[in-house]
Amino acid sequence: MVSNELYLDWLKSLKVGDEVVYTFRGIITIDKVKKITPKGLIRLKSGESVDIFGMRILPSTYDDSFLIEPLTPEIDERVAKMTMARKLEKYPFYLLSKEQLEKIIEIVEGVEE
């Protein structure tokens, strides 16, 4: 993590609509800045808030592990992959044909090497 001063400068530079990475209890999501109040409170679309001037994090459910940070291409890709993996976990593979399942197995086995 960067120094508090650099982090505070980044928070102050945020604008409505900016995408940020929102981490809560180890779950990483992409969120958007919904509003910045005159008193320096950054509200995210998810409902969480960060106080720019006091650098206090004010989640709706308090937890030390709440964090917002810049969205990088690496984090964007990781979140997209996690989202796709969760979707696959819920997919009813029994609906696919044998040939379709064989192609999926071929892809997965190629990754394991």
N, C-alpha and C. Protein backbone atom coordinates (compact mmCIF):
# COMPACT_ATOMS: atom_id res chain seq x y z
N MET A 1 0.86 -1.19 0.00
CA MET A 1 0.00 0.00 0.00
C MET A 1 0.89 1.23 0.00
N VAL A 2 0.43 2.30 -0.58
CA VAL A 2 1.16 3.55 -0.65
C VAL A 2 1.05 4.31 0.67
N SER A 3 1.81 5.39 0.78
CA SER A 3 1.78 6.17 2.01
C SER A 3 0.40 6.82 2.20
N ASN A 4 0.12 7.19 3.43
CA ASN A 4 -1.16 7.84 3.74
C ASN A 4 -1.35 9.12 2.93
N GLU A 5 -0.26 9.86 2.73
CA GLU A 5 -0.35 11.12 1.99
C GLU A 5 -0.74 10.87 0.52
N LEU A 6 -0.09 9.89 -0.11
CA LEU A 6 -0.43 9.57 -1.50
C LEU A 6 -1.85 9.02 -1.61
N TYR A 7 -2.24 8.20 -0.64
CA TYR A 7 -3.60 7.65 -0.64
C TYR A 7 -4.62 8.78 -0.48
N LEU A 8 -4.35 9.71 0.41
CA LEU A 8 -5.26 10.84 0.62
C LEU A 8 -5.35 11.70 -0.65
N ASP A 9 -4.22 11.92 -1.32
CA ASP A 9 -4.22 12.68 -2.58
C ASP A 9 -5.08 11.96 -3.62
N TRP A 10 -4.95 10.63 -3.67
CA TRP A 10 -5.75 9.87 -4.63
C TRP A 10 -7.24 10.00 -4.30
N LEU A 11 -7.59 9.88 -3.01
CA LEU A 11 -8.99 10.02 -2.61
C LEU A 11 -9.53 11.39 -3.02
N LYS A 12 -8.74 12.44 -2.80
CA LYS A 12 -9.17 13.80 -3.14
C LYS A 12 -9.34 13.99 -4.65
N SER A 13 -8.63 13.20 -5.45
CA SER A 13 -8.70 13.35 -6.90
C SER A 13 -9.90 12.63 -7.52
N LEU A 14 -10.59 11.82 -6.74
CA LEU A 14 -11.72 11.06 -7.28
C LEU A 14 -12.86 11.98 -7.71
N LYS A 15 -13.54 11.56 -8.75
CA LYS A 15 -14.69 12.28 -9.29
C LYS A 15 -15.88 11.32 -9.35
N VAL A 16 -17.08 11.87 -9.38
CA VAL A 16 -18.29 11.06 -9.53
C VAL A 16 -18.17 10.25 -10.82
N GLY A 17 -18.47 8.96 -10.72
CA GLY A 17 -18.39 8.07 -11.87
C GLY A 17 -17.09 7.30 -11.97
N ASP A 18 -16.06 7.73 -11.22
CA ASP A 18 -14.78 7.00 -11.24
C ASP A 18 -14.98 5.59 -10.70
N GLU A 19 -14.32 4.65 -11.34
CA GLU A 19 -14.36 3.28 -10.85
C GLU A 19 -13.24 3.06 -9.84
N VAL A 20 -13.56 2.35 -8.79
CA VAL A 20 -12.59 2.02 -7.75
C VAL A 20 -12.72 0.54 -7.42
N VAL A 21 -11.70 0.02 -6.78
CA VAL A 21 -11.75 -1.35 -6.28
C VAL A 21 -12.22 -1.27 -4.85
N TYR A 22 -13.21 -2.04 -4.53
CA TYR A 22 -13.79 -2.07 -3.20
C TYR A 22 -13.53 -3.46 -2.63
N THR A 23 -12.77 -3.52 -1.56
CA THR A 23 -12.45 -4.80 -0.93
C THR A 23 -13.10 -4.84 0.44
N PHE A 24 -13.85 -5.89 0.69
CA PHE A 24 -14.51 -6.06 1.98
C PHE A 24 -14.44 -7.52 2.36
N ARG A 25 -13.78 -7.80 3.48
CA ARG A 25 -13.61 -9.17 3.98
C ARG A 25 -13.02 -10.09 2.92
N GLY A 26 -12.05 -9.58 2.17
CA GLY A 26 -11.35 -10.38 1.18
C GLY A 26 -12.05 -10.53 -0.15
N ILE A 27 -13.26 -10.00 -0.27
CA ILE A 27 -13.98 -10.07 -1.54
C ILE A 27 -13.74 -8.77 -2.30
N ILE A 28 -13.24 -8.90 -3.51
CA ILE A 28 -12.89 -7.75 -4.32
C ILE A 28 -13.98 -7.51 -5.36
N THR A 29 -14.48 -6.27 -5.40
CA THR A 29 -15.46 -5.90 -6.42
C THR A 29 -15.08 -4.55 -7.00
N ILE A 30 -15.65 -4.26 -8.13
CA ILE A 30 -15.45 -2.95 -8.75
C ILE A 30 -16.69 -2.13 -8.45
N ASP A 31 -16.48 -0.92 -7.98
CA ASP A 31 -17.57 -0.04 -7.58
C ASP A 31 -17.36 1.32 -8.24
N LYS A 32 -18.35 2.17 -8.18
CA LYS A 32 -18.25 3.52 -8.74
C LYS A 32 -18.53 4.55 -7.67
N VAL A 33 -17.86 5.69 -7.82
CA VAL A 33 -18.13 6.81 -6.93
C VAL A 33 -19.49 7.38 -7.32
N LYS A 34 -20.40 7.39 -6.36
CA LYS A 34 -21.75 7.88 -6.61
C LYS A 34 -21.87 9.37 -6.30
N LYS A 35 -21.21 9.80 -5.21
CA LYS A 35 -21.35 11.18 -4.77
C LYS A 35 -20.15 11.56 -3.91
N ILE A 36 -19.76 12.80 -3.99
CA ILE A 36 -18.74 13.35 -3.08
C ILE A 36 -19.37 14.57 -2.44
N THR A 37 -19.53 14.52 -1.12
CA THR A 37 -20.19 15.61 -0.41
C THR A 37 -19.23 16.77 -0.19
N PRO A 38 -19.76 17.98 0.05
CA PRO A 38 -18.89 19.14 0.33
C PRO A 38 -17.98 18.92 1.54
N LYS A 39 -18.39 18.06 2.46
CA LYS A 39 -17.58 17.79 3.65
C LYS A 39 -16.53 16.71 3.40
N GLY A 40 -16.45 16.20 2.18
CA GLY A 40 -15.41 15.24 1.84
C GLY A 40 -15.76 13.79 2.07
N LEU A 41 -17.03 13.46 2.02
CA LEU A 41 -17.45 12.07 2.17
C LEU A 41 -17.66 11.48 0.78
N ILE A 42 -16.94 10.41 0.48
CA ILE A 42 -17.09 9.73 -0.80
C ILE A 42 -18.10 8.60 -0.61
N ARG A 43 -19.19 8.67 -1.36
CA ARG A 43 -20.20 7.61 -1.29
C ARG A 43 -20.09 6.76 -2.56
N LEU A 44 -20.06 5.45 -2.35
CA LEU A 44 -20.00 4.52 -3.47
C LEU A 44 -21.39 4.00 -3.79
N LYS A 45 -21.57 3.49 -5.00
CA LYS A 45 -22.87 2.95 -5.39
C LYS A 45 -23.29 1.80 -4.49
N SER A 46 -22.33 1.09 -3.92
CA SER A 46 -22.64 -0.04 -3.03
C SER A 46 -23.19 0.43 -1.69
N GLY A 47 -23.07 1.73 -1.41
CA GLY A 47 -23.56 2.26 -0.14
C GLY A 47 -22.47 2.56 0.87
N GLU A 48 -21.26 2.13 0.59
CA GLU A 48 -20.16 2.38 1.51
C GLU A 48 -19.67 3.82 1.35
N SER A 49 -18.98 4.33 2.39
CA SER A 49 -18.50 5.71 2.37
C SER A 49 -17.10 5.79 2.93
N VAL A 50 -16.34 6.76 2.44
CA VAL A 50 -15.01 7.06 2.96
C VAL A 50 -14.94 8.56 3.21
N ASP A 51 -14.47 8.95 4.39
CA ASP A 51 -14.28 10.34 4.77
C ASP A 51 -12.89 10.77 4.31
N ILE A 52 -12.81 11.62 3.28
CA ILE A 52 -11.52 12.02 2.70
C ILE A 52 -10.65 12.72 3.74
N PHE A 53 -11.20 13.67 4.45
CA PHE A 53 -10.38 14.50 5.31
C PHE A 53 -9.97 13.80 6.60
N GLY A 54 -10.83 12.98 7.12
CA GLY A 54 -10.47 12.25 8.33
C GLY A 54 -9.86 10.89 8.02
N MET A 55 -9.87 10.51 6.72
CA MET A 55 -9.42 9.20 6.27
C MET A 55 -10.09 8.09 7.06
N ARG A 56 -11.30 8.35 7.51
CA ARG A 56 -12.05 7.30 8.21
C ARG A 56 -12.88 6.54 7.19
N ILE A 57 -12.90 5.26 7.37
CA ILE A 57 -13.71 4.41 6.50
C ILE A 57 -15.01 4.13 7.23
N LEU A 58 -16.11 4.40 6.56
CA LEU A 58 -17.41 4.29 7.21
C LEU A 58 -18.31 3.29 6.49
N PRO A 59 -17.97 2.01 6.55
CA PRO A 59 -18.84 1.04 5.88
C PRO A 59 -20.17 0.93 6.61
N SER A 60 -21.17 0.50 5.87
CA SER A 60 -22.49 0.36 6.48
C SER A 60 -22.46 -0.70 7.58
N THR A 61 -21.61 -1.68 7.43
CA THR A 61 -21.38 -2.67 8.48
C THR A 61 -19.91 -2.58 8.80
N TYR A 62 -19.56 -2.05 9.96
CA TYR A 62 -18.17 -1.77 10.27
C TYR A 62 -17.31 -3.02 10.24
N ASP A 63 -16.16 -2.92 9.59
CA ASP A 63 -15.18 -3.99 9.55
C ASP A 63 -13.85 -3.37 9.16
N ASP A 64 -12.77 -3.80 9.79
CA ASP A 64 -11.45 -3.26 9.51
C ASP A 64 -10.98 -3.57 8.09
N SER A 65 -11.55 -4.56 7.45
CA SER A 65 -11.04 -5.00 6.17
C SER A 65 -11.68 -4.30 4.97
N PHE A 66 -12.36 -3.20 5.19
CA PHE A 66 -12.96 -2.41 4.10
C PHE A 66 -11.89 -1.50 3.52
N LEU A 67 -11.78 -1.46 2.20
CA LEU A 67 -10.76 -0.65 1.55
C LEU A 67 -11.22 -0.28 0.15
N ILE A 68 -10.94 0.96 -0.26
CA ILE A 68 -11.09 1.29 -1.68
C ILE A 68 -9.70 1.68 -2.18
N GLU A 69 -9.44 1.36 -3.43
CA GLU A 69 -8.16 1.67 -4.04
C GLU A 69 -8.34 1.82 -5.54
N PRO A 70 -7.31 2.31 -6.23
CA PRO A 70 -7.44 2.50 -7.68
C PRO A 70 -7.68 1.19 -8.42
N LEU A 71 -8.45 1.28 -9.49
CA LEU A 71 -8.69 0.13 -10.35
C LEU A 71 -7.56 0.04 -11.36
N THR A 72 -6.83 -1.07 -11.33
CA THR A 72 -5.75 -1.30 -12.29
C THR A 72 -6.19 -2.37 -13.27
N PRO A 73 -5.54 -2.45 -14.43
CA PRO A 73 -5.91 -3.51 -15.39
C PRO A 73 -5.77 -4.92 -14.79
N GLU A 74 -4.77 -5.12 -13.93
CA GLU A 74 -4.57 -6.42 -13.32
C GLU A 74 -5.73 -6.79 -12.39
N ILE A 75 -6.17 -5.83 -11.59
CA ILE A 75 -7.29 -6.09 -10.68
C ILE A 75 -8.57 -6.27 -11.48
N ASP A 76 -8.75 -5.47 -12.53
CA ASP A 76 -9.94 -5.59 -13.38
C ASP A 76 -10.02 -7.01 -13.97
N GLU A 77 -8.89 -7.52 -14.45
CA GLU A 77 -8.87 -8.88 -15.02
C GLU A 77 -9.15 -9.93 -13.94
N ARG A 78 -8.55 -9.75 -12.76
CA ARG A 78 -8.76 -10.72 -11.67
C ARG A 78 -10.22 -10.76 -11.25
N VAL A 79 -10.86 -9.59 -11.15
CA VAL A 79 -12.28 -9.54 -10.77
C VAL A 79 -13.14 -10.21 -11.85
N ALA A 80 -12.82 -9.94 -13.12
CA ALA A 80 -13.58 -10.55 -14.21
C ALA A 80 -13.45 -12.07 -14.18
N LYS A 81 -12.23 -12.57 -13.93
CA LYS A 81 -12.02 -14.01 -13.86
C LYS A 81 -12.76 -14.62 -12.68
N MET A 82 -12.74 -13.95 -11.53
CA MET A 82 -13.46 -14.45 -10.36
C MET A 82 -14.96 -14.50 -10.62
N THR A 83 -15.49 -13.47 -11.30
CA THR A 83 -16.92 -13.42 -11.62
C THR A 83 -17.30 -14.57 -12.55
N MET A 84 -16.46 -14.81 -13.56
CA MET A 84 -16.74 -15.90 -14.50
C MET A 84 -16.65 -17.26 -13.79
N ALA A 85 -15.67 -17.41 -12.91
CA ALA A 85 -15.51 -18.68 -12.18
C ALA A 85 -16.74 -18.94 -11.30
N ARG A 86 -17.25 -17.88 -10.63
CA ARG A 86 -18.45 -18.05 -9.80
C ARG A 86 -19.64 -18.45 -10.66
N LYS A 87 -19.73 -17.86 -11.86
CA LYS A 87 -20.83 -18.19 -12.76
C LYS A 87 -20.73 -19.66 -13.19
N LEU A 88 -19.51 -20.11 -13.46
CA LEU A 88 -19.33 -21.51 -13.85
C LEU A 88 -19.66 -22.48 -12.72
N GLU A 89 -19.39 -22.07 -11.49
CA GLU A 89 -19.71 -22.93 -10.35
C GLU A 89 -21.19 -23.26 -10.28
N LYS A 90 -22.00 -22.33 -10.75
CA LYS A 90 -23.46 -22.49 -10.68
C LYS A 90 -24.06 -23.06 -11.97
N TYR A 91 -23.22 -23.26 -12.98
CA TYR A 91 -23.74 -23.67 -14.28
C TYR A 91 -24.21 -25.13 -14.26
N PRO A 92 -25.37 -25.42 -14.84
CA PRO A 92 -25.88 -26.80 -14.89
C PRO A 92 -25.24 -27.58 -16.06
N PHE A 93 -24.02 -28.07 -15.84
CA PHE A 93 -23.27 -28.74 -16.91
C PHE A 93 -23.99 -29.97 -17.46
N TYR A 94 -24.87 -30.56 -16.69
CA TYR A 94 -25.60 -31.74 -17.16
C TYR A 94 -26.48 -31.43 -18.37
N LEU A 95 -26.73 -30.15 -18.62
CA LEU A 95 -27.54 -29.77 -19.79
C LEU A 95 -26.73 -29.79 -21.09
N LEU A 96 -25.41 -29.84 -20.97
CA LEU A 96 -24.56 -29.82 -22.17
C LEU A 96 -24.45 -31.20 -22.80
N SER A 97 -24.12 -31.19 -24.07
CA SER A 97 -23.91 -32.46 -24.77
C SER A 97 -22.56 -33.05 -24.36
N LYS A 98 -22.37 -34.31 -24.68
CA LYS A 98 -21.10 -34.98 -24.37
C LYS A 98 -19.95 -34.26 -25.07
N GLU A 99 -20.16 -33.85 -26.31
CA GLU A 99 -19.12 -33.17 -27.08
C GLU A 99 -18.75 -31.81 -26.45
N GLN A 100 -19.75 -31.08 -25.99
CA GLN A 100 -19.49 -29.80 -25.34
C GLN A 100 -18.70 -30.00 -24.04
N LEU A 101 -19.08 -31.01 -23.27
CA LEU A 101 -18.37 -31.31 -22.03
C LEU A 101 -16.93 -31.74 -22.30
N GLU A 102 -16.72 -32.51 -23.37
CA GLU A 102 -15.37 -32.94 -23.74
C GLU A 102 -14.49 -31.73 -24.06
N LYS A 103 -15.04 -30.74 -24.74
CA LYS A 103 -14.29 -29.52 -25.06
C LYS A 103 -13.91 -28.76 -23.79
N ILE A 104 -14.83 -28.69 -22.85
CA ILE A 104 -14.56 -28.01 -21.58
C ILE A 104 -13.46 -28.74 -20.82
N ILE A 105 -13.55 -30.06 -20.76
CA ILE A 105 -12.53 -30.87 -20.09
C ILE A 105 -11.17 -30.65 -20.75
N GLU A 106 -11.14 -30.59 -22.06
CA GLU A 106 -9.90 -30.37 -22.80
C GLU A 106 -9.27 -29.02 -22.41
N ILE A 107 -10.09 -27.99 -22.30
CA ILE A 107 -9.60 -26.67 -21.90
C ILE A 107 -9.06 -26.71 -20.47
N VAL A 108 -9.83 -27.29 -19.57
CA VAL A 108 -9.44 -27.32 -18.16
C VAL A 108 -8.16 -28.15 -17.95
N GLU A 109 -8.07 -29.29 -18.63
CA GLU A 109 -6.88 -30.13 -18.49
C GLU A 109 -5.64 -29.42 -19.05
N GLY A 110 -5.83 -28.60 -20.06
CA GLY A 110 -4.71 -27.83 -20.62
C GLY A 110 -4.17 -26.79 -19.64
N VAL A 111 -5.02 -26.27 -18.78
CA VAL A 111 -4.62 -25.26 -17.80
C VAL A 111 -3.86 -25.90 -16.64
N GLU A 112 -4.21 -27.12 -16.29
CA GLU A 112 -3.62 -27.78 -15.13
C GLU A 112 -2.14 -28.12 -15.32
N GLU A 113 -1.66 -28.17 -16.54
CA GLU A 113 -0.27 -28.58 -16.80
C GLU A 113 0.73 -27.61 -16.33
